[in-house]
Amino acid sequence: SRDVWGAIVGGGRYRGIEGVRSWMLDLYSGWEKVDLSCEELI
């Protein structure tokens, strides 16, 4: 809800493993190409 991803996917809060999965499918379906990498873990 605080991030641009929420606006892109119509997001907010998702609950449960299936909620996370659903959000990811919605996110990736809107993109022809997505490169996502974790640059840093703190």
PDB file of all heavy atoms in Angstrom:
ATOM      1  N   SER A   1       0.804  -1.224   0.000  1.00  0.00           N
ATOM      2  CA  SER A   1       0.000   0.000   0.000  1.00  0.00           C
ATOM      3  C   SER A   1       0.838   1.276   0.000  1.00  0.00           C
ATOM      4  O   SER A   1       0.358   2.322  -0.431  1.00  0.00           O
ATOM      5  CB  SER A   1      -0.950   0.010   1.199  1.00  0.00           C
ATOM      6  OG  SER A   1      -0.237   0.045   2.421  1.00  0.00           O
ATOM      7  N   ARG A   2       2.085   1.223   0.458  1.00  0.00           N
ATOM      8  CA  ARG A   2       2.945   2.415   0.515  1.00  0.00           C
ATOM      9  C   ARG A   2       3.816   2.563  -0.732  1.00  0.00           C
ATOM     10  O   ARG A   2       4.531   3.537  -0.879  1.00  0.00           O
ATOM     11  CB  ARG A   2       3.872   2.330   1.731  1.00  0.00           C
ATOM     12  CG  ARG A   2       3.169   2.359   3.054  1.00  0.00           C
ATOM     13  CD  ARG A   2       4.138   1.922   4.157  1.00  0.00           C
ATOM     14  NE  ARG A   2       3.526   1.891   5.453  1.00  0.00           N
ATOM     15  CZ  ARG A   2       2.825   0.872   5.938  1.00  0.00           C
ATOM     16  NH1 ARG A   2       2.640  -0.212   5.223  1.00  0.00           N
ATOM     17  NH2 ARG A   2       2.305   0.919   7.145  1.00  0.00           N
ATOM     18  N   ASP A   3       3.779   1.584  -1.595  1.00  0.00           N
ATOM     19  CA  ASP A   3       4.718   1.523  -2.711  1.00  0.00           C
ATOM     20  C   ASP A   3       4.004   1.682  -4.048  1.00  0.00           C
ATOM     21  O   ASP A   3       2.805   1.443  -4.157  1.00  0.00           O
ATOM     22  CB  ASP A   3       5.457   0.177  -2.661  1.00  0.00           C
ATOM     23  CG  ASP A   3       6.546   0.095  -3.692  1.00  0.00           C
ATOM     24  OD1 ASP A   3       7.411   0.982  -3.711  1.00  0.00           O
ATOM     25  OD2 ASP A   3       6.530  -0.852  -4.493  1.00  0.00           O
ATOM     26  N   VAL A   4       4.747   2.024  -5.071  1.00  0.00           N
ATOM     27  CA  VAL A   4       4.213   2.167  -6.419  1.00  0.00           C
ATOM     28  C   VAL A   4       3.621   0.843  -6.908  1.00  0.00           C
ATOM     29  O   VAL A   4       2.680   0.829  -7.688  1.00  0.00           O
ATOM     30  CB  VAL A   4       5.289   2.708  -7.393  1.00  0.00           C
ATOM     31  CG1 VAL A   4       6.354   1.682  -7.674  1.00  0.00           C
ATOM     32  CG2 VAL A   4       4.648   3.188  -8.676  1.00  0.00           C
ATOM     33  N   TRP A   5       4.139  -0.286  -6.425  1.00  0.00           N
ATOM     34  CA  TRP A   5       3.582  -1.578  -6.834  1.00  0.00           C
ATOM     35  C   TRP A   5       2.110  -1.682  -6.473  1.00  0.00           C
ATOM     36  O   TRP A   5       1.338  -2.283  -7.182  1.00  0.00           O
ATOM     37  CB  TRP A   5       4.329  -2.727  -6.185  1.00  0.00           C
ATOM     38  CG  TRP A   5       5.630  -3.032  -6.834  1.00  0.00           C
ATOM     39  CD1 TRP A   5       6.094  -2.580  -8.031  1.00  0.00           C
ATOM     40  CD2 TRP A   5       6.648  -3.872  -6.322  1.00  0.00           C
ATOM     41  NE1 TRP A   5       7.336  -3.072  -8.280  1.00  0.00           N
ATOM     42  CE2 TRP A   5       7.698  -3.873  -7.253  1.00  0.00           C
ATOM     43  CE3 TRP A   5       6.773  -4.626  -5.169  1.00  0.00           C
ATOM     44  CZ2 TRP A   5       8.852  -4.603  -7.063  1.00  0.00           C
ATOM     45  CZ3 TRP A   5       7.938  -5.348  -4.987  1.00  0.00           C
ATOM     46  CH2 TRP A   5       8.959  -5.338  -5.922  1.00  0.00           C
ATOM     47  N   GLY A   6       1.735  -1.093  -5.354  1.00  0.00           N
ATOM     48  CA  GLY A   6       0.330  -1.108  -4.966  1.00  0.00           C
ATOM     49  C   GLY A   6      -0.530  -0.401  -5.991  1.00  0.00           C
ATOM     50  O   GLY A   6      -1.596  -0.881  -6.372  1.00  0.00           O
ATOM     51  N   ALA A   7      -0.060   0.740  -6.481  1.00  0.00           N
ATOM     52  CA  ALA A   7      -0.812   1.489  -7.475  1.00  0.00           C
ATOM     53  C   ALA A   7      -0.850   0.763  -8.816  1.00  0.00           C
ATOM     54  O   ALA A   7      -1.869   0.757  -9.506  1.00  0.00           O
ATOM     55  CB  ALA A   7      -0.192   2.874  -7.646  1.00  0.00           C
ATOM     56  N   ILE A   8       0.246   0.119  -9.170  1.00  0.00           N
ATOM     57  CA  ILE A   8       0.321  -0.584 -10.451  1.00  0.00           C
ATOM     58  C   ILE A   8      -0.663  -1.747 -10.500  1.00  0.00           C
ATOM     59  O   ILE A   8      -1.341  -1.969 -11.488  1.00  0.00           O
ATOM     60  CB  ILE A   8       1.758  -1.081 -10.726  1.00  0.00           C
ATOM     61  CG1 ILE A   8       2.675   0.104 -11.021  1.00  0.00           C
ATOM     62  CG2 ILE A   8       1.785  -2.087 -11.869  1.00  0.00           C
ATOM     63  CD1 ILE A   8       4.137  -0.257 -11.107  1.00  0.00           C
ATOM     64  N   VAL A   9      -0.747  -2.490  -9.415  1.00  0.00           N
ATOM     65  CA  VAL A   9      -1.553  -3.700  -9.404  1.00  0.00           C
ATOM     66  C   VAL A   9      -2.903  -3.470  -8.721  1.00  0.00           C
ATOM     67  O   VAL A   9      -3.727  -4.352  -8.640  1.00  0.00           O
ATOM     68  CB  VAL A   9      -0.771  -4.857  -8.723  1.00  0.00           C
ATOM     69  CG1 VAL A   9      -1.529  -6.145  -8.759  1.00  0.00           C
ATOM     70  CG2 VAL A   9       0.580  -5.040  -9.400  1.00  0.00           C
ATOM     71  N   GLY A  10      -3.160  -2.256  -8.262  1.00  0.00           N
ATOM     72  CA  GLY A  10      -4.407  -1.997  -7.551  1.00  0.00           C
ATOM     73  C   GLY A  10      -4.337  -2.531  -6.137  1.00  0.00           C
ATOM     74  O   GLY A  10      -5.322  -2.933  -5.544  1.00  0.00           O
ATOM     75  N   GLY A  11      -3.131  -2.520  -5.607  1.00  0.00           N
ATOM     76  CA  GLY A  11      -2.833  -3.224  -4.380  1.00  0.00           C
ATOM     77  C   GLY A  11      -3.232  -2.561  -3.097  1.00  0.00           C
ATOM     78  O   GLY A  11      -3.923  -1.562  -3.053  1.00  0.00           O
ATOM     79  N   GLY A  12      -2.740  -3.166  -2.117  1.00  0.00           N
ATOM     80  CA  GLY A  12      -2.993  -2.808  -0.741  1.00  0.00           C
ATOM     81  C   GLY A  12      -2.319  -3.851   0.111  1.00  0.00           C
ATOM     82  O   GLY A  12      -1.108  -3.986   0.078  1.00  0.00           O
ATOM     83  N   ARG A  13      -3.142  -4.629   0.792  1.00  0.00           N
ATOM     84  CA  ARG A  13      -2.605  -5.694   1.642  1.00  0.00           C
ATOM     85  C   ARG A  13      -3.139  -7.036   1.183  1.00  0.00           C
ATOM     86  O   ARG A  13      -4.331  -7.174   0.918  1.00  0.00           O
ATOM     87  CB  ARG A  13      -2.994  -5.428   3.081  1.00  0.00           C
ATOM     88  CG  ARG A  13      -2.291  -4.228   3.653  1.00  0.00           C
ATOM     89  CD  ARG A  13      -2.687  -3.990   5.113  1.00  0.00           C
ATOM     90  NE  ARG A  13      -1.970  -2.843   5.626  1.00  0.00           N
ATOM     91  CZ  ARG A  13      -2.411  -1.590   5.543  1.00  0.00           C
ATOM     92  NH1 ARG A  13      -3.565  -1.338   4.966  1.00  0.00           N
ATOM     93  NH2 ARG A  13      -1.701  -0.601   6.038  1.00  0.00           N
ATOM     94  N   TYR A  14      -2.256  -7.992   1.139  1.00  0.00           N
ATOM     95  CA  TYR A  14      -2.608  -9.350   0.732  1.00  0.00           C
ATOM     96  C   TYR A  14      -2.297 -10.279   1.891  1.00  0.00           C
ATOM     97  O   TYR A  14      -1.332 -10.067   2.622  1.00  0.00           O
ATOM     98  CB  TYR A  14      -1.796  -9.761  -0.502  1.00  0.00           C
ATOM     99  CG  TYR A  14      -2.103  -8.882  -1.692  1.00  0.00           C
ATOM    100  CD1 TYR A  14      -1.506  -7.642  -1.820  1.00  0.00           C
ATOM    101  CD2 TYR A  14      -3.008  -9.292  -2.651  1.00  0.00           C
ATOM    102  CE1 TYR A  14      -1.800  -6.812  -2.899  1.00  0.00           C
ATOM    103  CE2 TYR A  14      -3.311  -8.481  -3.732  1.00  0.00           C
ATOM    104  CZ  TYR A  14      -2.702  -7.243  -3.847  1.00  0.00           C
ATOM    105  OH  TYR A  14      -3.000  -6.437  -4.911  1.00  0.00           O
ATOM    106  N   ARG A  15      -3.098 -11.300   2.063  1.00  0.00           N
ATOM    107  CA  ARG A  15      -2.907 -12.203   3.196  1.00  0.00           C
ATOM    108  C   ARG A  15      -2.743 -13.635   2.690  1.00  0.00           C
ATOM    109  O   ARG A  15      -3.418 -14.062   1.770  1.00  0.00           O
ATOM    110  CB  ARG A  15      -4.101 -12.120   4.141  1.00  0.00           C
ATOM    111  CG  ARG A  15      -3.946 -13.072   5.270  1.00  0.00           C
ATOM    112  CD  ARG A  15      -4.247 -12.636   6.666  1.00  0.00           C
ATOM    113  NE  ARG A  15      -4.221 -11.275   7.068  1.00  0.00           N
ATOM    114  CZ  ARG A  15      -3.277 -10.749   7.845  1.00  0.00           C
ATOM    115  NH1 ARG A  15      -2.243 -11.459   8.219  1.00  0.00           N
ATOM    116  NH2 ARG A  15      -3.369  -9.505   8.237  1.00  0.00           N
ATOM    117  N   GLY A  16      -1.816 -14.325   3.336  1.00  0.00           N
ATOM    118  CA  GLY A  16      -1.602 -15.738   3.049  1.00  0.00           C
ATOM    119  C   GLY A  16      -0.715 -15.965   1.843  1.00  0.00           C
ATOM    120  O   GLY A  16      -0.474 -15.057   1.038  1.00  0.00           O
ATOM    121  N   ILE A  17      -0.243 -17.175   1.734  1.00  0.00           N
ATOM    122  CA  ILE A  17       0.649 -17.549   0.635  1.00  0.00           C
ATOM    123  C   ILE A  17      -0.055 -17.364  -0.703  1.00  0.00           C
ATOM    124  O   ILE A  17       0.533 -16.877  -1.666  1.00  0.00           O
ATOM    125  CB  ILE A  17       1.152 -18.993   0.813  1.00  0.00           C
ATOM    126  CG1 ILE A  17       2.013 -19.071   2.076  1.00  0.00           C
ATOM    127  CG2 ILE A  17       1.929 -19.461  -0.408  1.00  0.00           C
ATOM    128  CD1 ILE A  17       2.341 -20.479   2.526  1.00  0.00           C
ATOM    129  N   GLU A  18      -1.336 -17.726  -0.766  1.00  0.00           N
ATOM    130  CA  GLU A  18      -2.069 -17.549  -2.022  1.00  0.00           C
ATOM    131  C   GLU A  18      -2.259 -16.071  -2.352  1.00  0.00           C
ATOM    132  O   GLU A  18      -2.286 -15.701  -3.520  1.00  0.00           O
ATOM    133  CB  GLU A  18      -3.403 -18.292  -1.981  1.00  0.00           C
ATOM    134  CG  GLU A  18      -3.241 -19.800  -2.098  1.00  0.00           C
ATOM    135  CD  GLU A  18      -2.427 -20.230  -3.314  1.00  0.00           C
ATOM    136  OE1 GLU A  18      -2.697 -19.741  -4.438  1.00  0.00           O
ATOM    137  OE2 GLU A  18      -1.495 -21.049  -3.148  1.00  0.00           O
ATOM    138  N   GLY A  19      -2.380 -15.226  -1.344  1.00  0.00           N
ATOM    139  CA  GLY A  19      -2.463 -13.791  -1.577  1.00  0.00           C
ATOM    140  C   GLY A  19      -1.183 -13.254  -2.195  1.00  0.00           C
ATOM    141  O   GLY A  19      -1.221 -12.461  -3.142  1.00  0.00           O
ATOM    142  N   VAL A  20      -0.037 -13.684  -1.674  1.00  0.00           N
ATOM    143  CA  VAL A  20       1.263 -13.271  -2.227  1.00  0.00           C
ATOM    144  C   VAL A  20       1.385 -13.774  -3.664  1.00  0.00           C
ATOM    145  O   VAL A  20       1.784 -13.025  -4.566  1.00  0.00           O
ATOM    146  CB  VAL A  20       2.430 -13.795  -1.365  1.00  0.00           C
ATOM    147  CG1 VAL A  20       3.767 -13.510  -2.036  1.00  0.00           C
ATOM    148  CG2 VAL A  20       2.385 -13.187   0.030  1.00  0.00           C
ATOM    149  N   ARG A  21       1.017 -15.013  -3.874  1.00  0.00           N
ATOM    150  CA  ARG A  21       1.082 -15.604  -5.220  1.00  0.00           C
ATOM    151  C   ARG A  21       0.189 -14.824  -6.193  1.00  0.00           C
ATOM    152  O   ARG A  21       0.596 -14.494  -7.308  1.00  0.00           O
ATOM    153  CB  ARG A  21       0.666 -17.068  -5.165  1.00  0.00           C
ATOM    154  CG  ARG A  21       0.777 -17.781  -6.479  1.00  0.00           C
ATOM    155  CD  ARG A  21       0.397 -19.273  -6.299  1.00  0.00           C
ATOM    156  NE  ARG A  21       0.462 -19.957  -7.547  1.00  0.00           N
ATOM    157  CZ  ARG A  21      -0.527 -19.980  -8.450  1.00  0.00           C
ATOM    158  NH1 ARG A  21      -1.664 -19.357  -8.212  1.00  0.00           N
ATOM    159  NH2 ARG A  21      -0.382 -20.635  -9.583  1.00  0.00           N
ATOM    160  N   SER A  22      -1.025 -14.513  -5.772  1.00  0.00           N
ATOM    161  CA  SER A  22      -1.966 -13.772  -6.609  1.00  0.00           C
ATOM    162  C   SER A  22      -1.408 -12.397  -6.966  1.00  0.00           C
ATOM    163  O   SER A  22      -1.486 -11.962  -8.124  1.00  0.00           O
ATOM    164  CB  SER A  22      -3.293 -13.635  -5.863  1.00  0.00           C
ATOM    165  OG  SER A  22      -4.161 -12.793  -6.557  1.00  0.00           O
ATOM    166  N   TRP A  23      -0.828 -11.709  -5.973  1.00  0.00           N
ATOM    167  CA  TRP A  23      -0.242 -10.400  -6.232  1.00  0.00           C
ATOM    168  C   TRP A  23       0.884 -10.512  -7.259  1.00  0.00           C
ATOM    169  O   TRP A  23       0.972  -9.712  -8.191  1.00  0.00           O
ATOM    170  CB  TRP A  23       0.282  -9.776  -4.936  1.00  0.00           C
ATOM    171  CG  TRP A  23       0.940  -8.473  -5.192  1.00  0.00           C
ATOM    172  CD1 TRP A  23       0.337  -7.267  -5.347  1.00  0.00           C
ATOM    173  CD2 TRP A  23       2.330  -8.248  -5.393  1.00  0.00           C
ATOM    174  NE1 TRP A  23       1.276  -6.308  -5.616  1.00  0.00           N
ATOM    175  CE2 TRP A  23       2.501  -6.884  -5.654  1.00  0.00           C
ATOM    176  CE3 TRP A  23       3.459  -9.084  -5.375  1.00  0.00           C
ATOM    177  CZ2 TRP A  23       3.754  -6.336  -5.895  1.00  0.00           C
ATOM    178  CZ3 TRP A  23       4.693  -8.526  -5.613  1.00  0.00           C
ATOM    179  CH2 TRP A  23       4.824  -7.164  -5.871  1.00  0.00           C
ATOM    180  N   MET A  24       1.740 -11.515  -7.100  1.00  0.00           N
ATOM    181  CA  MET A  24       2.867 -11.675  -8.033  1.00  0.00           C
ATOM    182  C   MET A  24       2.371 -11.956  -9.449  1.00  0.00           C
ATOM    183  O   MET A  24       2.892 -11.405 -10.414  1.00  0.00           O
ATOM    184  CB  MET A  24       3.818 -12.764  -7.553  1.00  0.00           C
ATOM    185  CG  MET A  24       4.593 -12.334  -6.323  1.00  0.00           C
ATOM    186  SD  MET A  24       5.843 -13.517  -5.845  1.00  0.00           S
ATOM    187  CE  MET A  24       7.070 -13.178  -7.093  1.00  0.00           C
ATOM    188  N   LEU A  25       1.360 -12.809  -9.584  1.00  0.00           N
ATOM    189  CA  LEU A  25       0.817 -13.101 -10.913  1.00  0.00           C
ATOM    190  C   LEU A  25       0.224 -11.841 -11.538  1.00  0.00           C
ATOM    191  O   LEU A  25       0.427 -11.578 -12.726  1.00  0.00           O
ATOM    192  CB  LEU A  25      -0.234 -14.201 -10.827  1.00  0.00           C
ATOM    193  CG  LEU A  25       0.296 -15.602 -10.521  1.00  0.00           C
ATOM    194  CD1 LEU A  25      -0.866 -16.563 -10.288  1.00  0.00           C
ATOM    195  CD2 LEU A  25       1.206 -16.105 -11.632  1.00  0.00           C
ATOM    196  N   ASP A  26      -0.504 -11.061 -10.745  1.00  0.00           N
ATOM    197  CA  ASP A  26      -1.067  -9.799 -11.250  1.00  0.00           C
ATOM    198  C   ASP A  26       0.037  -8.844 -11.679  1.00  0.00           C
ATOM    199  O   ASP A  26      -0.050  -8.208 -12.727  1.00  0.00           O
ATOM    200  CB  ASP A  26      -1.934  -9.120 -10.192  1.00  0.00           C
ATOM    201  CG  ASP A  26      -3.260  -9.828  -9.975  1.00  0.00           C
ATOM    202  OD1 ASP A  26      -3.621 -10.694 -10.789  1.00  0.00           O
ATOM    203  OD2 ASP A  26      -3.918  -9.510  -8.967  1.00  0.00           O
ATOM    204  N   LEU A  27       1.082  -8.743 -10.864  1.00  0.00           N
ATOM    205  CA  LEU A  27       2.188  -7.845 -11.177  1.00  0.00           C
ATOM    206  C   LEU A  27       2.861  -8.242 -12.488  1.00  0.00           C
ATOM    207  O   LEU A  27       3.008  -7.436 -13.397  1.00  0.00           O
ATOM    208  CB  LEU A  27       3.224  -7.836 -10.055  1.00  0.00           C
ATOM    209  CG  LEU A  27       4.466  -6.994 -10.342  1.00  0.00           C
ATOM    210  CD1 LEU A  27       4.126  -5.516 -10.317  1.00  0.00           C
ATOM    211  CD2 LEU A  27       5.570  -7.305  -9.359  1.00  0.00           C
ATOM    212  N   TYR A  28       3.250  -9.501 -12.599  1.00  0.00           N
ATOM    213  CA  TYR A  28       3.990  -9.943 -13.781  1.00  0.00           C
ATOM    214  C   TYR A  28       3.127  -9.940 -15.051  1.00  0.00           C
ATOM    215  O   TYR A  28       3.645  -9.756 -16.142  1.00  0.00           O
ATOM    216  CB  TYR A  28       4.611 -11.317 -13.549  1.00  0.00           C
ATOM    217  CG  TYR A  28       5.876 -11.248 -12.724  1.00  0.00           C
ATOM    218  CD1 TYR A  28       5.866 -11.487 -11.360  1.00  0.00           C
ATOM    219  CD2 TYR A  28       7.088 -10.915 -13.324  1.00  0.00           C
ATOM    220  CE1 TYR A  28       7.031 -11.399 -10.607  1.00  0.00           C
ATOM    221  CE2 TYR A  28       8.254 -10.825 -12.582  1.00  0.00           C
ATOM    222  CZ  TYR A  28       8.213 -11.073 -11.225  1.00  0.00           C
ATOM    223  OH  TYR A  28       9.367 -10.981 -10.485  1.00  0.00           O
ATOM    224  N   SER A  29       1.823 -10.121 -14.905  1.00  0.00           N
ATOM    225  CA  SER A  29       0.963 -10.163 -16.094  1.00  0.00           C
ATOM    226  C   SER A  29       0.905  -8.812 -16.803  1.00  0.00           C
ATOM    227  O   SER A  29       0.631  -8.759 -17.995  1.00  0.00           O
ATOM    228  CB  SER A  29      -0.438 -10.639 -15.730  1.00  0.00           C
ATOM    229  OG  SER A  29      -1.122  -9.639 -15.000  1.00  0.00           O
ATOM    230  N   GLY A  30       1.158  -7.717 -16.098  1.00  0.00           N
ATOM    231  CA  GLY A  30       1.095  -6.391 -16.700  1.00  0.00           C
ATOM    232  C   GLY A  30       2.361  -5.970 -17.425  1.00  0.00           C
ATOM    233  O   GLY A  30       2.399  -4.903 -18.026  1.00  0.00           O
ATOM    234  N   TRP A  31       3.372  -6.815 -17.380  1.00  0.00           N
ATOM    235  CA  TRP A  31       4.665  -6.432 -17.941  1.00  0.00           C
ATOM    236  C   TRP A  31       5.094  -7.374 -19.044  1.00  0.00           C
ATOM    237  O   TRP A  31       5.000  -8.582 -18.906  1.00  0.00           O
ATOM    238  CB  TRP A  31       5.731  -6.419 -16.831  1.00  0.00           C
ATOM    239  CG  TRP A  31       5.378  -5.440 -15.774  1.00  0.00           C
ATOM    240  CD1 TRP A  31       4.720  -5.689 -14.613  1.00  0.00           C
ATOM    241  CD2 TRP A  31       5.615  -4.044 -15.805  1.00  0.00           C
ATOM    242  NE1 TRP A  31       4.539  -4.533 -13.915  1.00  0.00           N
ATOM    243  CE2 TRP A  31       5.087  -3.504 -14.619  1.00  0.00           C
ATOM    244  CE3 TRP A  31       6.238  -3.196 -16.712  1.00  0.00           C
ATOM    245  CZ2 TRP A  31       5.144  -2.146 -14.322  1.00  0.00           C
ATOM    246  CZ3 TRP A  31       6.305  -1.848 -16.416  1.00  0.00           C
ATOM    247  CH2 TRP A  31       5.764  -1.337 -15.242  1.00  0.00           C
ATOM    248  N   GLU A  32       5.586  -6.774 -20.116  1.00  0.00           N
ATOM    249  CA  GLU A  32       6.167  -7.558 -21.198  1.00  0.00           C
ATOM    250  C   GLU A  32       7.469  -8.203 -20.721  1.00  0.00           C
ATOM    251  O   GLU A  32       7.788  -9.332 -21.053  1.00  0.00           O
ATOM    252  CB  GLU A  32       6.439  -6.628 -22.379  1.00  0.00           C
ATOM    253  CG  GLU A  32       7.077  -7.282 -23.573  1.00  0.00           C
ATOM    254  CD  GLU A  32       7.333  -6.261 -24.670  1.00  0.00           C
ATOM    255  OE1 GLU A  32       6.495  -5.357 -24.877  1.00  0.00           O
ATOM    256  OE2 GLU A  32       8.389  -6.370 -25.309  1.00  0.00           O
ATOM    257  N   LYS A  33       8.187  -7.424 -19.929  1.00  0.00           N
ATOM    258  CA  LYS A  33       9.468  -7.892 -19.406  1.00  0.00           C
ATOM    259  C   LYS A  33       9.672  -7.270 -18.035  1.00  0.00           C
ATOM    260  O   LYS A  33       9.427  -6.085 -17.851  1.00  0.00           O
ATOM    261  CB  LYS A  33      10.593  -7.460 -20.342  1.00  0.00           C
ATOM    262  CG  LYS A  33      11.957  -7.870 -19.907  1.00  0.00           C
ATOM    263  CD  LYS A  33      13.019  -7.357 -20.862  1.00  0.00           C
ATOM    264  CE  LYS A  33      14.375  -7.768 -20.340  1.00  0.00           C
ATOM    265  NZ  LYS A  33      15.447  -7.268 -21.141  1.00  0.00           N
ATOM    266  N   VAL A  34      10.102  -8.079 -17.074  1.00  0.00           N
ATOM    267  CA  VAL A  34      10.431  -7.584 -15.743  1.00  0.00           C
ATOM    268  C   VAL A  34      11.737  -8.235 -15.302  1.00  0.00           C
ATOM    269  O   VAL A  34      11.867  -9.456 -15.336  1.00  0.00           O
ATOM    270  CB  VAL A  34       9.337  -7.911 -14.700  1.00  0.00           C
ATOM    271  CG1 VAL A  34       9.792  -7.486 -13.313  1.00  0.00           C
ATOM    272  CG2 VAL A  34       8.030  -7.259 -15.037  1.00  0.00           C
ATOM    273  N   ASP A  35      12.698  -7.408 -14.930  1.00  0.00           N
ATOM    274  CA  ASP A  35      13.934  -7.896 -14.336  1.00  0.00           C
ATOM    275  C   ASP A  35      13.963  -7.388 -12.910  1.00  0.00           C
ATOM    276  O   ASP A  35      13.992  -6.172 -12.683  1.00  0.00           O
ATOM    277  CB  ASP A  35      15.163  -7.382 -15.100  1.00  0.00           C
ATOM    278  CG  ASP A  35      15.246  -7.938 -16.500  1.00  0.00           C
ATOM    279  OD1 ASP A  35      14.967  -9.138 -16.669  1.00  0.00           O
ATOM    280  OD2 ASP A  35      15.569  -7.171 -17.425  1.00  0.00           O
ATOM    281  N   LEU A  36      13.938  -8.305 -11.974  1.00  0.00           N
ATOM    282  CA  LEU A  36      13.921  -7.954 -10.570  1.00  0.00           C
ATOM    283  C   LEU A  36      15.093  -8.653  -9.905  1.00  0.00           C
ATOM    284  O   LEU A  36      15.264  -9.860 -10.064  1.00  0.00           O
ATOM    285  CB  LEU A  36      12.606  -8.427  -9.959  1.00  0.00           C
ATOM    286  CG  LEU A  36      12.357  -8.168  -8.497  1.00  0.00           C
ATOM    287  CD1 LEU A  36      10.865  -7.992  -8.276  1.00  0.00           C
ATOM    288  CD2 LEU A  36      12.875  -9.284  -7.634  1.00  0.00           C
ATOM    289  N   SER A  37      15.910  -7.879  -9.205  1.00  0.00           N
ATOM    290  CA  SER A  37      17.014  -8.507  -8.484  1.00  0.00           C
ATOM    291  C   SER A  37      17.169  -7.847  -7.115  1.00  0.00           C
ATOM    292  O   SER A  37      16.905  -6.662  -6.952  1.00  0.00           O
ATOM    293  CB  SER A  37      18.318  -8.420  -9.274  1.00  0.00           C
ATOM    294  OG  SER A  37      18.695  -7.078  -9.448  1.00  0.00           O
ATOM    295  N   CYS A  38      17.585  -8.656  -6.171  1.00  0.00           N
ATOM    296  CA  CYS A  38      17.827  -8.163  -4.821  1.00  0.00           C
ATOM    297  C   CYS A  38      19.261  -7.652  -4.774  1.00  0.00           C
ATOM    298  O   CYS A  38      20.203  -8.426  -4.927  1.00  0.00           O
ATOM    299  CB  CYS A  38      17.592  -9.278  -3.811  1.00  0.00           C
ATOM    300  SG  CYS A  38      17.784  -8.727  -2.111  1.00  0.00           S
ATOM    301  N   GLU A  39      19.421  -6.345  -4.597  1.00  0.00           N
ATOM    302  CA  GLU A  39      20.747  -5.735  -4.584  1.00  0.00           C
ATOM    303  C   GLU A  39      21.403  -5.737  -3.217  1.00  0.00           C
ATOM    304  O   GLU A  39      22.624  -5.742  -3.108  1.00  0.00           O
ATOM    305  CB  GLU A  39      20.663  -4.292  -5.074  1.00  0.00           C
ATOM    306  CG  GLU A  39      20.374  -4.166  -6.539  1.00  0.00           C
ATOM    307  CD  GLU A  39      20.546  -2.738  -7.026  1.00  0.00           C
ATOM    308  OE1 GLU A  39      20.548  -1.800  -6.212  1.00  0.00           O
ATOM    309  OE2 GLU A  39      20.675  -2.574  -8.248  1.00  0.00           O
ATOM    310  N   GLU A  40      20.590  -5.695  -2.169  1.00  0.00           N
ATOM    311  CA  GLU A  40      21.155  -5.550  -0.826  1.00  0.00           C
ATOM    312  C   GLU A  40      20.190  -6.127   0.200  1.00  0.00           C
ATOM    313  O   GLU A  40      18.978  -5.930   0.106  1.00  0.00           O
ATOM    314  CB  GLU A  40      21.387  -4.063  -0.550  1.00  0.00           C
ATOM    315  CG  GLU A  40      21.972  -3.736   0.786  1.00  0.00           C
ATOM    316  CD  GLU A  40      22.154  -2.231   0.992  1.00  0.00           C
ATOM    317  OE1 GLU A  40      21.533  -1.417   0.277  1.00  0.00           O
ATOM    318  OE2 GLU A  40      22.920  -1.886   1.909  1.00  0.00           O
ATOM    319  N   LEU A  41      20.739  -6.831   1.185  1.00  0.00           N
ATOM    320  CA  LEU A  41      19.972  -7.290   2.335  1.00  0.00           C
ATOM    321  C   LEU A  41      20.610  -6.689   3.576  1.00  0.00           C
ATOM    322  O   LEU A  41      21.818  -6.813   3.774  1.00  0.00           O
ATOM    323  CB  LEU A  41      19.963  -8.814   2.424  1.00  0.00           C
ATOM    324  CG  LEU A  41      19.216  -9.534   1.301  1.00  0.00           C
ATOM    325  CD1 LEU A  41      19.406 -11.041   1.403  1.00  0.00           C
ATOM    326  CD2 LEU A  41      17.741  -9.176   1.313  1.00  0.00           C
ATOM    327  N   ILE A  42      19.797  -6.031   4.381  1.00  0.00           N
ATOM    328  CA  ILE A  42      20.292  -5.356   5.576  1.00  0.00           C
ATOM    329  C   ILE A  42      19.715  -6.045   6.800  1.00  0.00           C
ATOM    330  O   ILE A  42      18.494  -6.134   6.956  1.00  0.00           O
ATOM    331  CB  ILE A  42      19.888  -3.869   5.567  1.00  0.00           C
ATOM    332  CG1 ILE A  42      20.423  -3.180   4.309  1.00  0.00           C
ATOM    333  CG2 ILE A  42      20.364  -3.171   6.838  1.00  0.00           C
ATOM    334  CD1 ILE A  42      19.803  -1.816   4.038  1.00  0.00           C
TER     335      ILE A  42
END
